[in-house]
Amino acid sequence: MPMQQCAVAPPAGTGAGLGRCRVVMLDAPTAAARVVSESIHVAWSGRPGPVVIGLPEDVLTLSAGPSRTVRPLAVPRPRAAETELKELVRRFERARRPLVVVGGEERTAPDHRP
């Protein structure tokens, strides 16, 4: 699935900054189910973000034929290794004034995912 990157302007009045997105071209109507499935996987993997599926004019006029179901791809959930967690606990126990900054790749609660 060929991809490129683009900058996306947020809706007016939201106060949000520019975001990054990936662009995927749908070159054949028969690949629509696979391209959409892979695009959803890309949108939720790594650093979540938008994916734009480009539809060339010549593809818009073609028939995709009968629909077929595509099995969704699993989204990887990175986990810390046991040794890394033990090292983290050790550092907290030794710290005089520990500080925790929360955030990172996972910005949405699991029950809010599609």
Protein backbone atom coordinates (compact mmCIF):
# COMPACT_ATOMS: atom_id res chain seq x y z
CA MET A 1 0.00 0.00 0.00
CA PRO A 2 1.89 3.13 -1.17
CA MET A 3 1.78 5.97 1.36
CA GLN A 4 2.88 9.55 1.66
CA GLN A 5 2.53 12.18 4.37
CA CYS A 6 0.59 15.47 4.38
CA ALA A 7 -0.26 18.28 6.78
CA VAL A 8 -3.92 18.59 7.80
CA ALA A 9 -5.58 21.79 8.95
CA PRO A 10 -8.04 21.28 11.85
CA PRO A 11 -11.65 22.48 11.64
CA ALA A 12 -11.96 26.25 12.05
CA GLY A 13 -12.48 27.43 15.61
CA THR A 14 -11.15 24.30 17.31
CA GLY A 15 -7.92 25.93 18.43
CA ALA A 16 -5.99 22.82 17.42
CA GLY A 17 -2.72 23.00 15.53
CA LEU A 18 -1.79 21.31 12.30
CA GLY A 19 -1.65 17.53 12.42
CA ARG A 20 0.10 14.89 10.37
CA CYS A 21 -1.70 12.32 8.29
CA ARG A 22 -0.92 9.54 5.87
CA VAL A 23 -2.28 9.45 2.34
CA VAL A 24 -3.14 6.15 0.65
CA MET A 25 -4.24 5.89 -2.98
CA LEU A 26 -6.95 3.42 -3.92
CA ASP A 27 -5.85 2.42 -7.43
CA ALA A 28 -8.28 -0.46 -7.98
CA PRO A 29 -11.89 -0.73 -6.76
CA THR A 30 -11.40 -4.42 -5.99
CA ALA A 31 -8.81 -3.44 -3.37
CA ALA A 32 -11.20 -1.12 -1.47
CA ALA A 33 -11.90 -3.47 1.47
CA ARG A 34 -8.19 -4.24 1.95
CA VAL A 35 -7.12 -0.58 1.65
CA VAL A 36 -9.76 0.58 4.16
CA SER A 37 -8.80 -2.20 6.60
CA GLU A 38 -5.09 -1.38 6.32
CA SER A 39 -5.81 2.36 6.65
CA ILE A 40 -7.75 1.80 9.89
CA HIS A 41 -4.86 -0.33 11.17
CA VAL A 42 -2.35 2.42 10.30
CA ALA A 43 -4.57 5.09 11.91
CA TRP A 44 -4.62 3.21 15.25
CA SER A 45 -1.04 1.87 15.20
CA GLY A 46 2.11 3.60 16.43
CA ARG A 47 1.21 7.25 16.82
CA PRO A 48 -2.54 7.32 16.09
CA GLY A 49 -3.68 9.81 13.49
CA PRO A 50 -5.72 10.38 10.36
CA VAL A 51 -5.34 8.47 7.11
CA VAL A 52 -6.65 9.97 3.87
CA ILE A 53 -7.71 7.54 1.15
CA GLY A 54 -7.25 9.16 -2.25
CA LEU A 55 -9.72 8.15 -4.95
CA PRO A 56 -8.55 8.93 -8.51
CA GLU A 57 -11.39 10.01 -10.82
CA ASP A 58 -11.00 6.97 -13.08
CA VAL A 59 -11.45 4.65 -10.06
CA LEU A 60 -14.60 6.47 -8.92
CA THR A 61 -16.47 5.41 -12.06
CA LEU A 62 -15.48 1.72 -11.88
CA SER A 63 -17.46 -1.05 -10.20
CA ALA A 64 -15.87 -2.88 -7.28
CA GLY A 65 -17.90 -6.00 -7.97
CA PRO A 66 -19.34 -8.09 -5.15
CA SER A 67 -18.35 -7.06 -1.63
CA ARG A 68 -16.04 -9.26 0.36
CA THR A 69 -15.19 -9.18 4.03
CA VAL A 70 -11.64 -8.48 5.08
CA ARG A 71 -10.48 -9.64 8.50
CA PRO A 72 -9.39 -6.62 10.62
CA LEU A 73 -5.69 -6.37 11.40
CA ALA A 74 -4.66 -6.49 15.05
CA VAL A 75 -3.40 -3.23 16.56
CA PRO A 76 -0.20 -3.86 18.51
CA ARG A 77 -0.28 -2.86 22.19
CA PRO A 78 3.26 -2.24 23.39
CA ARG A 79 4.00 -3.39 26.93
CA ALA A 80 6.97 -2.71 29.16
CA ALA A 81 9.24 -5.65 29.90
CA GLU A 82 9.27 -7.00 33.46
CA THR A 83 12.90 -5.85 33.91
CA GLU A 84 11.97 -2.32 32.80
CA LEU A 85 9.10 -2.17 35.31
CA LYS A 86 11.37 -3.38 38.13
CA GLU A 87 13.93 -0.70 37.22
CA LEU A 88 11.21 1.94 37.25
CA VAL A 89 10.04 0.87 40.72
CA ARG A 90 13.65 0.88 41.95
CA ARG A 91 14.15 4.45 40.68
CA PHE A 92 10.92 5.66 42.32
CA GLU A 93 11.95 4.11 45.63
CA ARG A 94 15.30 5.93 45.49
CA ALA A 95 13.94 9.29 44.34
CA ARG A 96 13.68 12.08 46.90
CA ARG A 97 10.96 13.96 45.02
CA PRO A 98 9.62 11.78 42.20
CA LEU A 99 7.73 13.37 39.34
CA VAL A 100 5.49 11.50 36.93
CA VAL A 101 4.65 13.01 33.53
CA VAL A 102 1.75 11.08 32.02
CA GLY A 103 1.12 10.94 28.29
CA GLY A 104 2.53 9.48 25.14
CA GLU A 105 1.32 7.34 22.30
CA GLU A 106 -1.86 6.02 23.92
CA ARG A 107 -4.16 9.04 24.27
CA THR A 108 -7.56 7.34 24.24
CA ALA A 109 -9.06 5.06 26.85
CA PRO A 110 -9.49 1.48 25.56
CA ASP A 111 -13.28 1.66 25.95
CA HIS A 112 -13.39 4.62 23.54
CA ARG A 113 -11.67 2.78 20.68
CA PRO A 114 -13.72 1.55 17.75
